[in-house]
């Protein structure tokens, strides 16, 4: 197994919430980290680099990724950025579906295509896609669940294609995690939040650090025998019911 002298990671959506904690965790492990997000991460670290870009803008994203791989030999990709756009099926807007396809799927493809040359040259790579417990179904999540489920299929496909080159591809699928995005949908301290917590087998909401540890496992250079897998970090909700 080949391990490069410098681990270099792109983390999308690294400016806040789960993404910011992932960046901090990778920095603590010695990685060079580049966050691609709409705003800076405000992480003050010599190995932290912020690239501000709207990842739903295909042209801007292409330019940002091109500039990043020109500067860094990226060998780890964590595609964490995501948005929900909730709606019951009768109210789903196709423009929302298009936007989530662009962010969750097209951006992942572009990231992998751009970083593959460096990974192949090093005979090493780690790709981690951030899906969701909603991939197995959740009310009001037509566009979100569809695109997050699509990540599972892409990861399995890429895992088969890239395994012989020392590149692993895996998925982390969080359940309800206490982030600003979560509280955009569920009001903090509300009865809805209480009911949700009571429906989670472990009786608590997840924390960003719970997810970051799972990402760290898949990104670890030592874990070269794990690929094409999905790890649900969801408090048991992927095997039980969830009241949203």
C-alpha atoms as a PDB file:
ATOM      1  CA  UNK A   1       0.000   0.000   0.000  1.00  0.00           C
ATOM      2  CA  UNK A   2       1.308   3.412  -1.036  1.00  0.00           C
ATOM      3  CA  UNK A   3       0.837   6.346   1.332  1.00  0.00           C
ATOM      4  CA  UNK A   4       1.829   9.787  -0.005  1.00  0.00           C
ATOM      5  CA  UNK A   5       4.136  11.987   2.033  1.00  0.00           C
ATOM      6  CA  UNK A   6       1.495  14.729   2.180  1.00  0.00           C
ATOM      7  CA  UNK A   7      -2.223  14.171   2.557  1.00  0.00           C
ATOM      8  CA  UNK A   8      -4.192  16.908   0.799  1.00  0.00           C
ATOM      9  CA  UNK A   9      -7.971  17.112   1.105  1.00  0.00           C
ATOM     10  CA  UNK A  10     -10.693  19.087  -0.604  1.00  0.00           C
ATOM     11  CA  UNK A  11     -13.736  19.474   1.642  1.00  0.00           C
ATOM     12  CA  UNK A  12     -16.828  21.023   0.104  1.00  0.00           C
ATOM     13  CA  UNK A  13     -19.000  23.071   2.402  1.00  0.00           C
ATOM     14  CA  UNK A  14     -16.159  23.409   4.880  1.00  0.00           C
ATOM     15  CA  UNK A  15     -17.183  26.819   6.196  1.00  0.00           C
ATOM     16  CA  UNK A  16     -19.708  25.744   8.829  1.00  0.00           C
ATOM     17  CA  UNK A  17     -21.467  22.864  10.551  1.00  0.00           C
ATOM     18  CA  UNK A  18     -20.327  19.350   9.728  1.00  0.00           C
ATOM     19  CA  UNK A  19     -17.915  20.544   7.035  1.00  0.00           C
ATOM     20  CA  UNK A  20     -16.048  22.872   9.369  1.00  0.00           C
ATOM     21  CA  UNK A  21     -15.602  20.123  11.966  1.00  0.00           C
ATOM     22  CA  UNK A  22     -14.353  17.758   9.238  1.00  0.00           C
ATOM     23  CA  UNK A  23     -11.781  20.377   8.221  1.00  0.00           C
ATOM     24  CA  UNK A  24     -10.641  20.809  11.812  1.00  0.00           C
ATOM     25  CA  UNK A  25     -10.350  17.043  12.271  1.00  0.00           C
ATOM     26  CA  UNK A  26      -8.283  16.598   9.110  1.00  0.00           C
ATOM     27  CA  UNK A  27      -6.017  19.514  10.039  1.00  0.00           C
ATOM     28  CA  UNK A  28      -5.395  17.898  13.436  1.00  0.00           C
ATOM     29  CA  UNK A  29      -4.322  14.765  11.573  1.00  0.00           C
ATOM     30  CA  UNK A  30      -1.785  16.662   9.485  1.00  0.00           C
ATOM     31  CA  UNK A  31      -3.699  17.187   6.239  1.00  0.00           C
ATOM     32  CA  UNK A  32      -3.451  20.184   3.972  1.00  0.00           C
ATOM     33  CA  UNK A  33      -7.118  21.197   3.648  1.00  0.00           C
ATOM     34  CA  UNK A  34      -8.918  23.229   0.999  1.00  0.00           C
ATOM     35  CA  UNK A  35     -12.530  24.221   1.683  1.00  0.00           C
ATOM     36  CA  UNK A  36     -14.777  24.972  -1.271  1.00  0.00           C
ATOM     37  CA  UNK A  37     -17.779  26.874   0.066  1.00  0.00           C
ATOM     38  CA  UNK A  38     -19.799  30.028  -0.385  1.00  0.00           C
ATOM     39  CA  UNK A  39     -17.868  31.725   2.415  1.00  0.00           C
ATOM     40  CA  UNK A  40     -14.610  31.315   4.294  1.00  0.00           C
ATOM     41  CA  UNK A  41     -14.307  28.838   7.139  1.00  0.00           C
ATOM     42  CA  UNK A  42     -12.694  31.315   9.569  1.00  0.00           C
ATOM     43  CA  UNK A  43     -10.329  28.518  10.601  1.00  0.00           C
ATOM     44  CA  UNK A  44      -6.983  30.116  11.394  1.00  0.00           C
ATOM     45  CA  UNK A  45      -4.414  27.476  10.451  1.00  0.00           C
ATOM     46  CA  UNK A  46      -1.373  27.556   8.142  1.00  0.00           C
ATOM     47  CA  UNK A  47      -2.576  24.433   6.301  1.00  0.00           C
ATOM     48  CA  UNK A  48      -6.141  25.702   5.840  1.00  0.00           C
ATOM     49  CA  UNK A  49      -7.098  27.252   2.506  1.00  0.00           C
ATOM     50  CA  UNK A  50     -10.493  28.738   1.643  1.00  0.00           C
ATOM     51  CA  UNK A  51     -11.915  28.955  -1.865  1.00  0.00           C
ATOM     52  CA  UNK A  52     -15.188  30.866  -1.956  1.00  0.00           C
ATOM     53  CA  UNK A  53     -17.522  29.540  -4.647  1.00  0.00           C
ATOM     54  CA  UNK A  54     -21.205  28.786  -5.205  1.00  0.00           C
ATOM     55  CA  UNK A  55     -21.125  25.059  -5.938  1.00  0.00           C
ATOM     56  CA  UNK A  56     -24.515  25.277  -7.657  1.00  0.00           C
ATOM     57  CA  UNK A  57     -22.897  27.504 -10.306  1.00  0.00           C
ATOM     58  CA  UNK A  58     -21.408  24.999 -12.744  1.00  0.00           C
ATOM     59  CA  UNK A  59     -19.019  27.398 -14.462  1.00  0.00           C
ATOM     60  CA  UNK A  60     -17.764  28.956 -11.221  1.00  0.00           C
ATOM     61  CA  UNK A  61     -17.319  25.506  -9.679  1.00  0.00           C
ATOM     62  CA  UNK A  62     -15.353  24.269 -12.681  1.00  0.00           C
ATOM     63  CA  UNK A  63     -13.013  27.254 -12.436  1.00  0.00           C
ATOM     64  CA  UNK A  64     -12.551  26.898  -8.677  1.00  0.00           C
ATOM     65  CA  UNK A  65     -11.729  23.199  -8.946  1.00  0.00           C
ATOM     66  CA  UNK A  66      -9.379  23.808 -11.879  1.00  0.00           C
ATOM     67  CA  UNK A  67      -7.491  26.477  -9.921  1.00  0.00           C
ATOM     68  CA  UNK A  68      -7.328  24.272  -6.820  1.00  0.00           C
ATOM     69  CA  UNK A  69      -5.880  21.194  -8.512  1.00  0.00           C
ATOM     70  CA  UNK A  70      -3.372  23.429 -10.297  1.00  0.00           C
ATOM     71  CA  UNK A  71      -2.048  24.473  -6.865  1.00  0.00           C
ATOM     72  CA  UNK A  72      -2.415  21.246  -4.885  1.00  0.00           C
ATOM     73  CA  UNK A  73      -1.963  17.529  -5.551  1.00  0.00           C
ATOM     74  CA  UNK A  74      -5.249  16.529  -3.965  1.00  0.00           C
ATOM     75  CA  UNK A  75      -5.505  12.893  -2.868  1.00  0.00           C
ATOM     76  CA  UNK A  76      -8.574  13.093  -0.613  1.00  0.00           C
ATOM     77  CA  UNK A  77     -12.021  14.378  -1.562  1.00  0.00           C
ATOM     78  CA  UNK A  78     -14.818  14.886   0.965  1.00  0.00           C
ATOM     79  CA  UNK A  79     -17.962  16.076  -0.792  1.00  0.00           C
ATOM     80  CA  UNK A  80     -19.936  17.352   2.167  1.00  0.00           C
ATOM     81  CA  UNK A  81     -21.831  20.368   0.787  1.00  0.00           C
ATOM     82  CA  UNK A  82     -25.574  19.962   0.650  1.00  0.00           C
ATOM     83  CA  UNK A  83     -28.944  21.656   0.902  1.00  0.00           C
ATOM     84  CA  UNK A  84     -32.417  20.237   1.548  1.00  0.00           C
ATOM     85  CA  UNK A  85     -35.148  22.182  -0.356  1.00  0.00           C
ATOM     86  CA  UNK A  86     -38.003  20.330   1.434  1.00  0.00           C
ATOM     87  CA  UNK A  87     -41.438  19.960  -0.182  1.00  0.00           C
ATOM     88  CA  UNK A  88     -44.273  17.489  -0.323  1.00  0.00           C
ATOM     89  CA  UNK A  89     -44.434  15.735  -3.691  1.00  0.00           C
ATOM     90  CA  UNK A  90     -47.355  17.876  -4.871  1.00  0.00           C
ATOM     91  CA  UNK A  91     -45.234  20.985  -4.328  1.00  0.00           C
ATOM     92  CA  UNK A  92     -41.842  19.830  -5.637  1.00  0.00           C
ATOM     93  CA  UNK A  93     -40.266  22.328  -8.025  1.00  0.00           C
ATOM     94  CA  UNK A  94     -38.155  20.878 -10.807  1.00  0.00           C
ATOM     95  CA  UNK A  95     -35.753  23.787 -10.516  1.00  0.00           C
ATOM     96  CA  UNK A  96     -35.029  22.606  -6.956  1.00  0.00           C
ATOM     97  CA  UNK A  97     -34.380  19.100  -8.259  1.00  0.00           C
ATOM     98  CA  UNK A  98     -32.016  20.525 -10.893  1.00  0.00           C
ATOM     99  CA  UNK A  99     -30.166  22.526  -8.242  1.00  0.00           C
ATOM    100  CA  UNK A 100     -29.667  19.497  -5.982  1.00  0.00           C
ATOM    101  CA  UNK A 101     -28.555  17.320  -8.893  1.00  0.00           C
ATOM    102  CA  UNK A 102     -25.958  19.982  -9.657  1.00  0.00           C
ATOM    103  CA  UNK A 103     -24.745  20.246  -6.059  1.00  0.00           C
ATOM    104  CA  UNK A 104     -24.934  16.673  -4.815  1.00  0.00           C
ATOM    105  CA  UNK A 105     -24.131  14.723  -7.996  1.00  0.00           C
ATOM    106  CA  UNK A 106     -22.604  16.851 -10.749  1.00  0.00           C
ATOM    107  CA  UNK A 107     -20.218  18.589  -8.349  1.00  0.00           C
ATOM    108  CA  UNK A 108     -19.070  15.205  -7.026  1.00  0.00           C
ATOM    109  CA  UNK A 109     -18.360  13.979 -10.556  1.00  0.00           C
ATOM    110  CA  UNK A 110     -16.417  17.119 -11.395  1.00  0.00           C
ATOM    111  CA  UNK A 111     -14.353  16.886  -8.201  1.00  0.00           C
ATOM    112  CA  UNK A 112     -13.419  13.267  -8.833  1.00  0.00           C
ATOM    113  CA  UNK A 113     -12.591  13.828 -12.500  1.00  0.00           C
ATOM    114  CA  UNK A 114     -10.307  16.742 -11.609  1.00  0.00           C
ATOM    115  CA  UNK A 115      -8.465  14.960  -8.790  1.00  0.00           C
ATOM    116  CA  UNK A 116      -8.103  11.530 -10.405  1.00  0.00           C
ATOM    117  CA  UNK A 117      -4.839  12.321 -12.247  1.00  0.00           C
ATOM    118  CA  UNK A 118      -3.000  13.128  -8.990  1.00  0.00           C
ATOM    119  CA  UNK A 119      -4.526  10.146  -7.187  1.00  0.00           C
ATOM    120  CA  UNK A 120      -3.587   7.806  -9.999  1.00  0.00           C
ATOM    121  CA  UNK A 121      -0.059   9.169 -10.130  1.00  0.00           C
ATOM    122  CA  UNK A 122       0.294   8.538  -6.375  1.00  0.00           C
ATOM    123  CA  UNK A 123      -1.503   5.157  -6.516  1.00  0.00           C
ATOM    124  CA  UNK A 124      -3.537   6.462  -3.596  1.00  0.00           C
ATOM    125  CA  UNK A 125      -6.830   8.224  -3.092  1.00  0.00           C
ATOM    126  CA  UNK A 126      -9.706   8.592  -0.663  1.00  0.00           C
ATOM    127  CA  UNK A 127     -13.138   9.742  -1.818  1.00  0.00           C
ATOM    128  CA  UNK A 128     -15.898  10.244   0.752  1.00  0.00           C
ATOM    129  CA  UNK A 129     -19.381  11.342  -0.301  1.00  0.00           C
ATOM    130  CA  UNK A 130     -21.832  12.758   2.218  1.00  0.00           C
ATOM    131  CA  UNK A 131     -25.244  11.207   1.677  1.00  0.00           C
ATOM    132  CA  UNK A 132     -28.035  11.153   4.259  1.00  0.00           C
ATOM    133  CA  UNK A 133     -30.275   8.845   6.242  1.00  0.00           C
ATOM    134  CA  UNK A 134     -32.990  10.407   4.047  1.00  0.00           C
ATOM    135  CA  UNK A 135     -31.682   8.269   1.171  1.00  0.00           C
ATOM    136  CA  UNK A 136     -33.830   5.451   2.561  1.00  0.00           C
ATOM    137  CA  UNK A 137     -36.893   7.718   2.558  1.00  0.00           C
ATOM    138  CA  UNK A 138     -38.210  10.764   4.389  1.00  0.00           C
ATOM    139  CA  UNK A 139     -41.365  12.825   3.939  1.00  0.00           C
ATOM    140  CA  UNK A 140     -40.879  16.173   2.125  1.00  0.00           C
ATOM    141  CA  UNK A 141     -37.505  15.077   0.781  1.00  0.00           C
ATOM    142  CA  UNK A 142     -38.214  14.113  -2.866  1.00  0.00           C
ATOM    143  CA  UNK A 143     -35.321  16.044  -4.429  1.00  0.00           C
ATOM    144  CA  UNK A 144     -32.984  15.667  -1.463  1.00  0.00           C
ATOM    145  CA  UNK A 145     -33.538  11.933  -0.977  1.00  0.00           C
ATOM    146  CA  UNK A 146     -33.290  11.215  -4.703  1.00  0.00           C
ATOM    147  CA  UNK A 147     -29.937  12.935  -5.105  1.00  0.00           C
ATOM    148  CA  UNK A 148     -28.532  11.643  -1.819  1.00  0.00           C
ATOM    149  CA  UNK A 149     -29.537   8.100  -2.855  1.00  0.00           C
ATOM    150  CA  UNK A 150     -27.825   8.720  -6.190  1.00  0.00           C
ATOM    151  CA  UNK A 151     -24.574   9.229  -4.295  1.00  0.00           C
ATOM    152  CA  UNK A 152     -24.743   5.638  -3.042  1.00  0.00           C
ATOM    153  CA  UNK A 153     -24.906   4.280  -6.574  1.00  0.00           C
ATOM    154  CA  UNK A 154     -22.107   6.545  -7.793  1.00  0.00           C
ATOM    155  CA  UNK A 155     -19.862   5.528  -4.902  1.00  0.00           C
ATOM    156  CA  UNK A 156     -20.382   1.819  -5.526  1.00  0.00           C
ATOM    157  CA  UNK A 157     -19.663   2.282  -9.216  1.00  0.00           C
ATOM    158  CA  UNK A 158     -16.524   4.328  -8.610  1.00  0.00           C
ATOM    159  CA  UNK A 159     -15.339   1.910  -5.945  1.00  0.00           C
ATOM    160  CA  UNK A 160     -15.353  -0.905  -8.506  1.00  0.00           C
ATOM    161  CA  UNK A 161     -13.672   1.198 -11.166  1.00  0.00           C
ATOM    162  CA  UNK A 162     -10.889   2.595  -8.963  1.00  0.00           C
ATOM    163  CA  UNK A 163     -10.101  -0.121  -6.415  1.00  0.00           C
ATOM    164  CA  UNK A 164      -7.151  -1.549  -8.337  1.00  0.00           C
ATOM    165  CA  UNK A 165      -5.500   1.889  -8.367  1.00  0.00           C
ATOM    166  CA  UNK A 166      -5.368   2.314  -4.597  1.00  0.00           C
ATOM    167  CA  UNK A 167      -8.378   4.644  -4.521  1.00  0.00           C
ATOM    168  CA  UNK A 168     -11.262   3.924  -2.151  1.00  0.00           C
ATOM    169  CA  UNK A 169     -14.743   5.408  -2.411  1.00  0.00           C
ATOM    170  CA  UNK A 170     -17.164   5.376   0.512  1.00  0.00           C
ATOM    171  CA  UNK A 171     -20.243   7.158   1.804  1.00  0.00           C
ATOM    172  CA  UNK A 172     -21.215   8.629   5.157  1.00  0.00           C
ATOM    173  CA  UNK A 173     -24.981   9.013   5.628  1.00  0.00           C
ATOM    174  CA  UNK A 174     -25.856  11.170   8.655  1.00  0.00           C
ATOM    175  CA  UNK A 175     -29.211  11.163  10.395  1.00  0.00           C
ATOM    176  CA  UNK A 176     -30.504  14.177  12.330  1.00  0.00           C
ATOM    177  CA  UNK A 177     -27.438  16.283  13.189  1.00  0.00           C
ATOM    178  CA  UNK A 178     -27.544  19.526  15.193  1.00  0.00           C
ATOM    179  CA  UNK A 179     -26.501  22.071  12.584  1.00  0.00           C
ATOM    180  CA  UNK A 180     -27.837  25.372  11.271  1.00  0.00           C
ATOM    181  CA  UNK A 181     -29.241  23.499   8.249  1.00  0.00           C
ATOM    182  CA  UNK A 182     -31.162  21.165  10.565  1.00  0.00           C
ATOM    183  CA  UNK A 183     -32.616  24.090  12.506  1.00  0.00           C
ATOM    184  CA  UNK A 184     -33.620  25.771   9.243  1.00  0.00           C
ATOM    185  CA  UNK A 185     -36.157  22.941   8.928  1.00  0.00           C
ATOM    186  CA  UNK A 186     -36.906  22.070  12.573  1.00  0.00           C
ATOM    187  CA  UNK A 187     -37.217  24.930  15.046  1.00  0.00           C
ATOM    188  CA  UNK A 188     -34.823  24.631  17.964  1.00  0.00           C
ATOM    189  CA  UNK A 189     -36.585  23.834  21.223  1.00  0.00           C
ATOM    190  CA  UNK A 190     -39.883  23.103  19.481  1.00  0.00           C
ATOM    191  CA  UNK A 191     -42.303  20.260  20.149  1.00  0.00           C
ATOM    192  CA  UNK A 192     -41.346  18.914  16.732  1.00  0.00           C
ATOM    193  CA  UNK A 193     -37.712  18.682  17.823  1.00  0.00           C
ATOM    194  CA  UNK A 194     -38.717  16.900  21.037  1.00  0.00           C
ATOM    195  CA  UNK A 195     -40.780  14.332  19.135  1.00  0.00           C
ATOM    196  CA  UNK A 196     -37.932  13.811  16.713  1.00  0.00           C
ATOM    197  CA  UNK A 197     -35.410  13.193  19.484  1.00  0.00           C
ATOM    198  CA  UNK A 198     -37.781  10.736  21.149  1.00  0.00           C
ATOM    199  CA  UNK A 199     -38.045   8.780  17.888  1.00  0.00           C
ATOM    200  CA  UNK A 200     -34.256   8.319  17.638  1.00  0.00           C
ATOM    201  CA  UNK A 201     -33.188   4.992  19.211  1.00  0.00           C
ATOM    202  CA  UNK A 202     -30.211   6.580  21.007  1.00  0.00           C
ATOM    203  CA  UNK A 203     -32.460   9.431  22.259  1.00  0.00           C
ATOM    204  CA  UNK A 204     -30.364  12.328  21.110  1.00  0.00           C
ATOM    205  CA  UNK A 205     -29.533  14.358  18.036  1.00  0.00           C
ATOM    206  CA  UNK A 206     -26.185  13.742  16.415  1.00  0.00           C
ATOM    207  CA  UNK A 207     -23.265  16.158  16.592  1.00  0.00           C
ATOM    208  CA  UNK A 208     -20.998  17.272  13.771  1.00  0.00           C
ATOM    209  CA  UNK A 209     -18.107  15.485  15.488  1.00  0.00           C
ATOM    210  CA  UNK A 210     -19.992  12.173  15.197  1.00  0.00           C
ATOM    211  CA  UNK A 211     -19.980  12.580  11.428  1.00  0.00           C
ATOM    212  CA  UNK A 212     -16.396  13.861  11.253  1.00  0.00           C
ATOM    213  CA  UNK A 213     -15.153  10.705  12.993  1.00  0.00           C
ATOM    214  CA  UNK A 214     -16.859   8.559  10.373  1.00  0.00           C
ATOM    215  CA  UNK A 215     -15.328  10.619   7.570  1.00  0.00           C
ATOM    216  CA  UNK A 216     -11.944  10.296   9.257  1.00  0.00           C
ATOM    217  CA  UNK A 217     -12.272   6.514   9.263  1.00  0.00           C
ATOM    218  CA  UNK A 218     -12.927   6.327   5.521  1.00  0.00           C
ATOM    219  CA  UNK A 219     -10.231   8.920   4.768  1.00  0.00           C
ATOM    220  CA  UNK A 220      -7.574   7.175   6.850  1.00  0.00           C
ATOM    221  CA  UNK A 221      -4.748   5.876   4.623  1.00  0.00           C
ATOM    222  CA  UNK A 222      -4.631   2.669   6.688  1.00  0.00           C
ATOM    223  CA  UNK A 223      -8.191   1.734   5.700  1.00  0.00           C
ATOM    224  CA  UNK A 224      -7.378   0.515   2.203  1.00  0.00           C
ATOM    225  CA  UNK A 225      -9.543  -2.629   2.463  1.00  0.00           C
ATOM    226  CA  UNK A 226     -12.813  -0.713   2.882  1.00  0.00           C
ATOM    227  CA  UNK A 227     -14.472   0.584  -0.282  1.00  0.00           C
ATOM    228  CA  UNK A 228     -17.951   0.891  -1.735  1.00  0.00           C
ATOM    229  CA  UNK A 229     -19.499   1.065   1.722  1.00  0.00           C
ATOM    230  CA  UNK A 230     -22.125   3.258   3.401  1.00  0.00           C
ATOM    231  CA  UNK A 231     -21.879   4.163   7.083  1.00  0.00           C
ATOM    232  CA  UNK A 232     -25.092   5.530   8.579  1.00  0.00           C
ATOM    233  CA  UNK A 233     -24.324   7.940  11.411  1.00  0.00           C
ATOM    234  CA  UNK A 234     -27.920   8.294  12.442  1.00  0.00           C
ATOM    235  CA  UNK A 235     -28.521   7.085  15.992  1.00  0.00           C
ATOM    236  CA  UNK A 236     -30.226   3.958  14.694  1.00  0.00           C
ATOM    237  CA  UNK A 237     -32.869   5.729  12.579  1.00  0.00           C
ATOM    238  CA  UNK A 238     -31.878   3.881   9.398  1.00  0.00           C
ATOM    239  CA  UNK A 239     -33.163   0.637  10.967  1.00  0.00           C
ATOM    240  CA  UNK A 240     -36.207   2.160  12.695  1.00  0.00           C
ATOM    241  CA  UNK A 241     -38.790   4.851  12.206  1.00  0.00           C
ATOM    242  CA  UNK A 242     -38.081   8.569  12.234  1.00  0.00           C
ATOM    243  CA  UNK A 243     -40.683  11.231  13.005  1.00  0.00           C
ATOM    244  CA  UNK A 244     -39.885  14.459  11.194  1.00  0.00           C
END
